[in-house]
């Protein structure tokens, strides 16, 4: 695992939070909520991929399957 993934997740968080604040100031709360949900889905996709790789590595190391 590299530091690259942490920076990617932090960048998504910063982008989502800034966009969220701009949309709230423009009185577009519904769009701000949708942007937040999309950001969460993007980060969860990255995390699920990492967990999948972890399980594959554990299976390989312990020769389970």
PDB file of N, CA and C in Angstrom:
ATOM      1  N   UNK A   1       0.855  -1.181   0.000  1.00  0.00           N
ATOM      2  CA  UNK A   1       0.000   0.000   0.000  1.00  0.00           C
ATOM      3  C   UNK A   1       0.892   1.231   0.000  1.00  0.00           C
ATOM      4  N   UNK A   2       0.552   2.156  -0.819  1.00  0.00           N
ATOM      5  CA  UNK A   2       1.364   3.360  -0.905  1.00  0.00           C
ATOM      6  C   UNK A   2       0.591   4.560  -0.349  1.00  0.00           C
ATOM      7  N   UNK A   3       1.328   5.602  -0.139  1.00  0.00           N
ATOM      8  CA  UNK A   3       0.752   6.842   0.380  1.00  0.00           C
ATOM      9  C   UNK A   3      -0.167   7.485  -0.664  1.00  0.00           C
ATOM     10  N   UNK A   4      -0.033   7.002  -1.891  1.00  0.00           N
ATOM     11  CA  UNK A   4      -0.818   7.517  -3.015  1.00  0.00           C
ATOM     12  C   UNK A   4      -2.320   7.418  -2.751  1.00  0.00           C
ATOM     13  N   UNK A   5      -2.736   6.315  -2.188  1.00  0.00           N
ATOM     14  CA  UNK A   5      -4.162   6.074  -1.946  1.00  0.00           C
ATOM     15  C   UNK A   5      -4.695   7.030  -0.883  1.00  0.00           C
ATOM     16  N   UNK A   6      -3.876   7.290   0.138  1.00  0.00           N
ATOM     17  CA  UNK A   6      -4.297   8.216   1.192  1.00  0.00           C
ATOM     18  C   UNK A   6      -4.483   9.616   0.619  1.00  0.00           C
ATOM     19  N   UNK A   7      -3.552  10.034  -0.249  1.00  0.00           N
ATOM     20  CA  UNK A   7      -3.682  11.352  -0.880  1.00  0.00           C
ATOM     21  C   UNK A   7      -4.900  11.418  -1.793  1.00  0.00           C
ATOM     22  N   UNK A   8      -5.204  10.320  -2.468  1.00  0.00           N
ATOM     23  CA  UNK A   8      -6.378  10.285  -3.350  1.00  0.00           C
ATOM     24  C   UNK A   8      -7.665  10.451  -2.534  1.00  0.00           C
ATOM     25  N   UNK A   9      -7.762   9.734  -1.421  1.00  0.00           N
ATOM     26  CA  UNK A   9      -8.952   9.827  -0.569  1.00  0.00           C
ATOM     27  C   UNK A   9      -9.060  11.219   0.054  1.00  0.00           C
ATOM     28  N   UNK A  10      -7.930  11.773   0.494  1.00  0.00           N
ATOM     29  CA  UNK A  10      -7.941  13.124   1.071  1.00  0.00           C
ATOM     30  C   UNK A  10      -8.332  14.153   0.022  1.00  0.00           C
ATOM     31  N   UNK A  11      -7.860  13.984  -1.198  1.00  0.00           N
ATOM     32  CA  UNK A  11      -8.225  14.910  -2.280  1.00  0.00           C
ATOM     33  C   UNK A  11      -9.715  14.863  -2.585  1.00  0.00           C
ATOM     34  N   UNK A  12     -10.271  13.672  -2.604  1.00  0.00           N
ATOM     35  CA  UNK A  12     -11.711  13.541  -2.821  1.00  0.00           C
ATOM     36  C   UNK A  12     -12.471  14.221  -1.687  1.00  0.00           C
ATOM     37  N   UNK A  13     -12.010  14.024  -0.461  1.00  0.00           N
ATOM     38  CA  UNK A  13     -12.662  14.656   0.691  1.00  0.00           C
ATOM     39  C   UNK A  13     -12.618  16.168   0.613  1.00  0.00           C
ATOM     40  N   UNK A  14     -11.461  16.722   0.264  1.00  0.00           N
ATOM     41  CA  UNK A  14     -11.345  18.185   0.136  1.00  0.00           C
ATOM     42  C   UNK A  14     -12.245  18.719  -0.974  1.00  0.00           C
ATOM     43  N   UNK A  15     -12.220  18.057  -2.112  1.00  0.00           N
ATOM     44  CA  UNK A  15     -13.038  18.503  -3.240  1.00  0.00           C
ATOM     45  C   UNK A  15     -14.521  18.459  -2.901  1.00  0.00           C
ATOM     46  N   UNK A  16     -14.947  17.388  -2.240  1.00  0.00           N
ATOM     47  CA  UNK A  16     -16.354  17.249  -1.866  1.00  0.00           C
ATOM     48  C   UNK A  16     -16.745  18.305  -0.839  1.00  0.00           C
ATOM     49  N   UNK A  17     -15.886  18.558   0.136  1.00  0.00           N
ATOM     50  CA  UNK A  17     -16.245  19.530   1.174  1.00  0.00           C
ATOM     51  C   UNK A  17     -16.318  20.947   0.614  1.00  0.00           C
ATOM     52  N   UNK A  18     -15.399  21.309  -0.269  1.00  0.00           N
ATOM     53  CA  UNK A  18     -15.451  22.650  -0.869  1.00  0.00           C
ATOM     54  C   UNK A  18     -16.685  22.790  -1.750  1.00  0.00           C
ATOM     55  N   UNK A  19     -16.937  21.787  -2.573  1.00  0.00           N
ATOM     56  CA  UNK A  19     -18.120  21.827  -3.441  1.00  0.00           C
ATOM     57  C   UNK A  19     -19.396  21.865  -2.614  1.00  0.00           C
ATOM     58  N   UNK A  20     -19.420  21.125  -1.532  1.00  0.00           N
ATOM     59  CA  UNK A  20     -20.576  21.103  -0.645  1.00  0.00           C
ATOM     60  C   UNK A  20     -20.837  22.492  -0.063  1.00  0.00           C
ATOM     61  N   UNK A  21     -19.804  23.154   0.422  1.00  0.00           N
ATOM     62  CA  UNK A  21     -19.963  24.486   1.000  1.00  0.00           C
ATOM     63  C   UNK A  21     -20.420  25.504  -0.035  1.00  0.00           C
ATOM     64  N   UNK A  22     -19.865  25.421  -1.243  1.00  0.00           N
ATOM     65  CA  UNK A  22     -20.277  26.347  -2.309  1.00  0.00           C
ATOM     66  C   UNK A  22     -21.749  26.145  -2.643  1.00  0.00           C
ATOM     67  N   UNK A  23     -22.186  24.899  -2.742  1.00  0.00           N
ATOM     68  CA  UNK A  23     -23.582  24.634  -3.075  1.00  0.00           C
ATOM     69  C   UNK A  23     -24.518  25.042  -1.946  1.00  0.00           C
ATOM     70  N   UNK A  24     -24.097  24.873  -0.712  1.00  0.00           N
ATOM     71  CA  UNK A  24     -24.940  25.304   0.409  1.00  0.00           C
ATOM     72  C   UNK A  24     -25.086  26.819   0.408  1.00  0.00           C
ATOM     73  N   UNK A  25     -23.995  27.536   0.128  1.00  0.00           N
ATOM     74  CA  UNK A  25     -24.060  29.009   0.073  1.00  0.00           C
ATOM     75  C   UNK A  25     -24.945  29.490  -1.070  1.00  0.00           C
ATOM     76  N   UNK A  26     -25.031  28.683  -2.131  1.00  0.00           N
ATOM     77  CA  UNK A  26     -25.879  29.031  -3.273  1.00  0.00           C
ATOM     78  C   UNK A  26     -27.309  28.532  -3.080  1.00  0.00           C
ATOM     79  N   UNK A  27     -27.612  28.080  -1.874  1.00  0.00           N
ATOM     80  CA  UNK A  27     -28.941  27.571  -1.525  1.00  0.00           C
ATOM     81  C   UNK A  27     -29.371  26.397  -2.396  1.00  0.00           C
ATOM     82  N   UNK A  28     -28.429  25.471  -2.631  1.00  0.00           N
ATOM     83  CA  UNK A  28     -28.710  24.248  -3.379  1.00  0.00           C
ATOM     84  C   UNK A  28     -28.392  23.054  -2.499  1.00  0.00           C
ATOM     85  N   UNK A  29     -29.131  22.928  -1.407  1.00  0.00           N
ATOM     86  CA  UNK A  29     -28.863  21.895  -0.424  1.00  0.00           C
ATOM     87  C   UNK A  29     -29.021  20.482  -0.996  1.00  0.00           C
ATOM     88  N   UNK A  30     -29.982  20.300  -1.915  1.00  0.00           N
ATOM     89  CA  UNK A  30     -30.192  18.980  -2.495  1.00  0.00           C
ATOM     90  C   UNK A  30     -28.987  18.543  -3.306  1.00  0.00           C
ATOM     91  N   UNK A  31     -28.444  19.473  -4.088  1.00  0.00           N
ATOM     92  CA  UNK A  31     -27.254  19.159  -4.882  1.00  0.00           C
ATOM     93  C   UNK A  31     -26.052  18.911  -3.977  1.00  0.00           C
ATOM     94  N   UNK A  32     -25.949  19.658  -2.878  1.00  0.00           N
ATOM     95  CA  UNK A  32     -24.847  19.460  -1.938  1.00  0.00           C
ATOM     96  C   UNK A  32     -24.921  18.066  -1.323  1.00  0.00           C
ATOM     97  N   UNK A  33     -26.110  17.614  -1.021  1.00  0.00           N
ATOM     98  CA  UNK A  33     -26.278  16.273  -0.477  1.00  0.00           C
ATOM     99  C   UNK A  33     -25.886  15.220  -1.502  1.00  0.00           C
ATOM    100  N   UNK A  34     -26.259  15.423  -2.743  1.00  0.00           N
ATOM    101  CA  UNK A  34     -25.904  14.469  -3.793  1.00  0.00           C
ATOM    102  C   UNK A  34     -24.399  14.422  -4.007  1.00  0.00           C
ATOM    103  N   UNK A  35     -23.731  15.568  -3.965  1.00  0.00           N
ATOM    104  CA  UNK A  35     -22.273  15.600  -4.114  1.00  0.00           C
ATOM    105  C   UNK A  35     -21.615  14.840  -2.965  1.00  0.00           C
ATOM    106  N   UNK A  36     -22.129  15.013  -1.763  1.00  0.00           N
ATOM    107  CA  UNK A  36     -21.585  14.300  -0.612  1.00  0.00           C
ATOM    108  C   UNK A  36     -21.767  12.797  -0.775  1.00  0.00           C
ATOM    109  N   UNK A  37     -22.924  12.374  -1.221  1.00  0.00           N
ATOM    110  CA  UNK A  37     -23.173  10.941  -1.422  1.00  0.00           C
ATOM    111  C   UNK A  37     -22.264  10.358  -2.502  1.00  0.00           C
ATOM    112  N   UNK A  38     -22.054  11.107  -3.575  1.00  0.00           N
ATOM    113  CA  UNK A  38     -21.161  10.636  -4.637  1.00  0.00           C
ATOM    114  C   UNK A  38     -19.735  10.506  -4.117  1.00  0.00           C
ATOM    115  N   UNK A  39     -19.305  11.461  -3.300  1.00  0.00           N
ATOM    116  CA  UNK A  39     -17.970  11.381  -2.705  1.00  0.00           C
ATOM    117  C   UNK A  39     -17.822  10.163  -1.815  1.00  0.00           C
ATOM    118  N   UNK A  40     -18.841   9.883  -1.021  1.00  0.00           N
ATOM    119  CA  UNK A  40     -18.802   8.707  -0.145  1.00  0.00           C
ATOM    120  C   UNK A  40     -18.739   7.426  -0.967  1.00  0.00           C
ATOM    121  N   UNK A  41     -19.500   7.357  -2.039  1.00  0.00           N
ATOM    122  CA  UNK A  41     -19.497   6.168  -2.890  1.00  0.00           C
ATOM    123  C   UNK A  41     -18.128   5.988  -3.545  1.00  0.00           C
ATOM    124  N   UNK A  42     -17.507   7.072  -3.979  1.00  0.00           N
ATOM    125  CA  UNK A  42     -16.180   6.975  -4.590  1.00  0.00           C
ATOM    126  C   UNK A  42     -15.151   6.440  -3.605  1.00  0.00           C
ATOM    127  N   UNK A  43     -15.168   6.963  -2.387  1.00  0.00           N
ATOM    128  CA  UNK A  43     -14.204   6.513  -1.372  1.00  0.00           C
ATOM    129  C   UNK A  43     -14.492   5.070  -0.982  1.00  0.00           C
ATOM    130  N   UNK A  44     -15.747   4.708  -0.831  1.00  0.00           N
ATOM    131  CA  UNK A  44     -16.088   3.321  -0.495  1.00  0.00           C
ATOM    132  C   UNK A  44     -15.646   2.357  -1.592  1.00  0.00           C
ATOM    133  N   UNK A  45     -15.726   2.769  -2.840  1.00  0.00           N
ATOM    134  CA  UNK A  45     -15.264   1.934  -3.945  1.00  0.00           C
ATOM    135  C   UNK A  45     -13.769   1.673  -3.824  1.00  0.00           C
ATOM    136  N   UNK A  46     -13.008   2.706  -3.495  1.00  0.00           N
ATOM    137  CA  UNK A  46     -11.566   2.543  -3.312  1.00  0.00           C
ATOM    138  C   UNK A  46     -11.279   1.608  -2.139  1.00  0.00           C
ATOM    139  N   UNK A  47     -11.980   1.799  -1.039  1.00  0.00           N
ATOM    140  CA  UNK A  47     -11.746   0.983   0.158  1.00  0.00           C
ATOM    141  C   UNK A  47     -12.143  -0.471  -0.089  1.00  0.00           C
ATOM    142  N   UNK A  48     -13.242  -0.702  -0.779  1.00  0.00           N
ATOM    143  CA  UNK A  48     -13.676  -2.073  -1.067  1.00  0.00           C
ATOM    144  C   UNK A  48     -12.650  -2.788  -1.936  1.00  0.00           C
ATOM    145  N   UNK A  49     -12.074  -2.074  -2.891  1.00  0.00           N
ATOM    146  CA  UNK A  49     -11.034  -2.654  -3.726  1.00  0.00           C
ATOM    147  C   UNK A  49      -9.813  -3.033  -2.887  1.00  0.00           C
ATOM    148  N   UNK A  50      -9.432  -2.173  -1.953  1.00  0.00           N
ATOM    149  CA  UNK A  50      -8.293  -2.464  -1.082  1.00  0.00           C
ATOM    150  C   UNK A  50      -8.566  -3.667  -0.183  1.00  0.00           C
ATOM    151  N   UNK A  51      -9.765  -3.763   0.365  1.00  0.00           N
ATOM    152  CA  UNK A  51     -10.114  -4.891   1.219  1.00  0.00           C
ATOM    153  C   UNK A  51     -10.140  -6.186   0.412  1.00  0.00           C
ATOM    154  N   UNK A  52     -10.607  -6.118  -0.811  1.00  0.00           N
ATOM    155  CA  UNK A  52     -10.610  -7.293  -1.681  1.00  0.00           C
ATOM    156  C   UNK A  52      -9.181  -7.777  -1.934  1.00  0.00           C
ATOM    157  N   UNK A  53      -8.286  -6.836  -2.208  1.00  0.00           N
ATOM    158  CA  UNK A  53      -6.881  -7.211  -2.409  1.00  0.00           C
ATOM    159  C   UNK A  53      -6.282  -7.806  -1.135  1.00  0.00           C
ATOM    160  N   UNK A  54      -6.649  -7.266   0.012  1.00  0.00           N
ATOM    161  CA  UNK A  54      -6.161  -7.799   1.283  1.00  0.00           C
ATOM    162  C   UNK A  54      -6.601  -9.248   1.470  1.00  0.00           C
ATOM    163  N   UNK A  55      -7.872  -9.538   1.221  1.00  0.00           N
ATOM    164  CA  UNK A  55      -8.362 -10.903   1.382  1.00  0.00           C
ATOM    165  C   UNK A  55      -7.681 -11.858   0.404  1.00  0.00           C
ATOM    166  N   UNK A  56      -7.445 -11.395  -0.823  1.00  0.00           N
ATOM    167  CA  UNK A  56      -6.737 -12.231  -1.797  1.00  0.00           C
ATOM    168  C   UNK A  56      -5.319 -12.536  -1.318  1.00  0.00           C
ATOM    169  N   UNK A  57      -4.644 -11.544  -0.767  1.00  0.00           N
ATOM    170  CA  UNK A  57      -3.290 -11.759  -0.259  1.00  0.00           C
ATOM    171  C   UNK A  57      -3.287 -12.710   0.928  1.00  0.00           C
ATOM    172  N   UNK A  58      -4.262 -12.593   1.820  1.00  0.00           N
ATOM    173  CA  UNK A  58      -4.340 -13.491   2.972  1.00  0.00           C
ATOM    174  C   UNK A  58      -4.583 -14.924   2.509  1.00  0.00           C
ATOM    175  N   UNK A  59      -5.466 -15.098   1.535  1.00  0.00           N
ATOM    176  CA  UNK A  59      -5.716 -16.439   1.013  1.00  0.00           C
ATOM    177  C   UNK A  59      -4.459 -17.024   0.378  1.00  0.00           C
ATOM    178  N   UNK A  60      -3.727 -16.205  -0.332  1.00  0.00           N
ATOM    179  CA  UNK A  60      -2.497 -16.672  -0.976  1.00  0.00           C
ATOM    180  C   UNK A  60      -1.434 -17.030   0.044  1.00  0.00           C
ATOM    181  N   UNK A  61      -1.262 -16.175   1.041  1.00  0.00           N
ATOM    182  CA  UNK A  61      -0.220 -16.410   2.044  1.00  0.00           C
ATOM    183  C   UNK A  61      -0.487 -17.686   2.834  1.00  0.00           C
ATOM    184  N   UNK A  62      -1.707 -17.888   3.260  1.00  0.00           N
ATOM    185  CA  UNK A  62      -2.038 -19.059   4.088  1.00  0.00           C
ATOM    186  C   UNK A  62      -2.518 -20.249   3.272  1.00  0.00           C
ATOM    187  N   UNK A  63      -2.492 -20.106   1.964  1.00  0.00           N
ATOM    188  CA  UNK A  63      -2.915 -21.164   1.029  1.00  0.00           C
ATOM    189  C   UNK A  63      -4.273 -21.737   1.402  1.00  0.00           C
ATOM    190  N   UNK A  64      -5.238 -20.802   1.542  1.00  0.00           N
ATOM    191  CA  UNK A  64      -6.596 -21.182   1.963  1.00  0.00           C
ATOM    192  C   UNK A  64      -7.480 -21.396   0.745  1.00  0.00           C
ATOM    193  N   UNK A  65      -7.668 -21.849  -0.086  1.00  0.00           N
ATOM    194  CA  UNK A  65      -8.660 -21.905  -1.150  1.00  0.00           C
ATOM    195  C   UNK A  65      -8.014 -22.264  -2.429  1.00  0.00           C
TER     196      UNK A  65
END
